[in-house]
């Protein structure tokens, strides 16, 4: 239970840092068109940390069970899909084909859903 409380406090601090970085990069680099992706990365990092902690036997979140674990993994999957889509699309300018990443995510979704214990 203590580790869950620490996780919640770290999560709060992480989001404060992300918001600060958003404004700092936006104002100083004038990169408002792309810097918003930092929020997607932050959400992915949060889900990744949660997944790692849920695998640890010492970590017990109140109400943790299979459906919550499955939901966490699926959230992480779709965050990664969206980040890849925007990242590759902005880097390559190939918006006409990078949407296929969503089809790949849709194909991986049931595999992840079935295999999460």
Protein backbone atom coordinates (compact mmCIF):
# COMPACT_ATOMS: atom_id res chain seq x y z
CA UNK A 1 0.00 0.00 0.00
CA UNK A 2 2.87 2.36 0.77
CA UNK A 3 4.29 1.92 -2.73
CA UNK A 4 0.91 2.82 -4.21
CA UNK A 5 0.90 6.08 -2.25
CA UNK A 6 4.43 6.85 -3.47
CA UNK A 7 3.32 6.12 -7.05
CA UNK A 8 0.46 8.61 -6.70
CA UNK A 9 2.82 11.32 -5.41
CA UNK A 10 5.39 10.66 -8.17
CA UNK A 11 2.59 10.82 -10.73
CA UNK A 12 1.54 14.26 -9.48
CA UNK A 13 5.12 15.51 -9.64
CA UNK A 14 5.60 14.06 -13.12
CA UNK A 15 2.56 15.90 -14.49
CA UNK A 16 3.73 19.19 -12.98
CA UNK A 17 7.09 18.73 -14.72
CA UNK A 18 5.37 17.86 -18.00
CA UNK A 19 3.20 20.99 -17.90
CA UNK A 20 6.24 23.11 -17.08
CA UNK A 21 8.20 21.56 -19.96
CA UNK A 22 5.27 22.17 -22.29
CA UNK A 23 5.29 25.88 -21.58
CA UNK A 24 9.08 26.23 -21.48
CA UNK A 25 9.59 24.47 -24.81
CA UNK A 26 6.58 26.19 -26.33
CA UNK A 27 7.69 29.70 -25.36
CA UNK A 28 11.44 29.38 -25.88
CA UNK A 29 11.49 27.16 -28.98
CA UNK A 30 8.20 28.45 -30.44
CA UNK A 31 7.31 24.82 -31.10
CA UNK A 32 3.63 24.97 -30.16
CA UNK A 33 2.70 22.86 -33.17
CA UNK A 34 4.56 19.79 -31.93
CA UNK A 35 5.25 20.26 -28.22
CA UNK A 36 1.75 19.10 -27.22
CA UNK A 37 2.93 15.54 -27.91
CA UNK A 38 4.69 15.73 -24.54
CA UNK A 39 1.29 15.05 -22.94
CA UNK A 40 0.92 11.82 -24.91
CA UNK A 41 4.42 10.77 -23.90
CA UNK A 42 3.62 11.59 -20.27
CA UNK A 43 0.48 9.46 -20.37
CA UNK A 44 2.45 6.59 -21.90
CA UNK A 45 5.15 6.84 -19.24
CA UNK A 46 2.50 6.87 -16.51
CA UNK A 47 0.87 3.72 -17.92
CA UNK A 48 4.24 2.03 -18.37
CA UNK A 49 5.21 2.69 -14.75
CA UNK A 50 1.82 1.40 -13.63
CA UNK A 51 2.26 -1.79 -15.68
CA UNK A 52 5.71 -2.36 -14.22
CA UNK A 53 4.45 -1.85 -10.68
CA UNK A 54 1.44 -4.12 -11.22
CA UNK A 55 3.81 -6.95 -12.16
CA UNK A 56 5.67 -6.57 -8.88
CA UNK A 57 4.18 -8.81 -6.20
CA UNK A 58 4.89 -6.27 -3.46
CA UNK A 59 2.73 -3.63 -5.14
CA UNK A 60 -0.92 -3.82 -4.23
CA UNK A 61 -3.24 -1.17 -5.50
CA UNK A 62 -6.66 -1.21 -3.88
CA UNK A 63 -9.08 -3.01 -6.21
CA UNK A 64 -6.36 -4.37 -8.53
CA UNK A 65 -7.53 -7.33 -10.57
CA UNK A 66 -7.32 -8.77 -14.05
CA UNK A 67 -9.64 -6.26 -15.76
CA UNK A 68 -7.73 -3.27 -14.41
CA UNK A 69 -4.43 -4.79 -15.51
CA UNK A 70 -5.87 -5.51 -18.96
CA UNK A 71 -7.21 -1.97 -19.21
CA UNK A 72 -3.80 -0.55 -18.27
CA UNK A 73 -2.01 -2.58 -20.94
CA UNK A 74 -4.56 -1.65 -23.59
CA UNK A 75 -4.31 2.04 -22.66
CA UNK A 76 -0.56 1.81 -23.02
CA UNK A 77 -0.93 0.10 -26.41
CA UNK A 78 -3.14 2.86 -27.81
CA UNK A 79 -0.99 5.63 -26.39
CA UNK A 80 2.03 4.10 -28.12
CA UNK A 81 0.04 3.80 -31.37
CA UNK A 82 -0.97 7.48 -31.26
CA UNK A 83 2.57 8.61 -30.39
CA UNK A 84 4.01 6.53 -33.24
CA UNK A 85 1.42 7.88 -35.64
CA UNK A 86 2.09 11.53 -34.89
CA UNK A 87 5.83 11.07 -34.52
CA UNK A 88 6.27 9.24 -37.83
CA UNK A 89 3.81 11.50 -39.62
CA UNK A 90 5.53 14.69 -38.52
CA UNK A 91 9.01 13.30 -39.23
CA UNK A 92 8.24 11.87 -42.66
CA UNK A 93 5.30 13.99 -43.82
CA UNK A 94 3.75 10.75 -45.08
CA UNK A 95 0.31 11.35 -43.58
CA UNK A 96 -1.27 9.51 -46.50
CA UNK A 97 0.14 6.15 -45.35
CA UNK A 98 1.00 6.42 -41.64
CA UNK A 99 -2.66 5.91 -40.71
CA UNK A 100 -1.93 2.20 -41.27
CA UNK A 101 -0.40 2.28 -37.78
CA UNK A 102 -3.96 2.34 -36.41
CA UNK A 103 -4.78 -0.86 -38.33
CA UNK A 104 -1.72 -2.51 -36.82
CA UNK A 105 -2.82 -1.32 -33.36
CA UNK A 106 -6.29 -2.75 -33.98
CA UNK A 107 -4.72 -6.09 -34.94
CA UNK A 108 -2.53 -6.16 -31.81
CA UNK A 109 -5.39 -5.11 -29.49
CA UNK A 110 -7.15 -8.50 -29.30
CA UNK A 111 -3.83 -10.32 -28.91
CA UNK A 112 -2.95 -8.18 -25.90
CA UNK A 113 -6.49 -8.46 -24.53
CA UNK A 114 -6.48 -12.25 -24.66
CA UNK A 115 -2.97 -12.72 -23.28
CA UNK A 116 -3.17 -10.48 -20.20
CA UNK A 117 -3.60 -12.60 -17.10
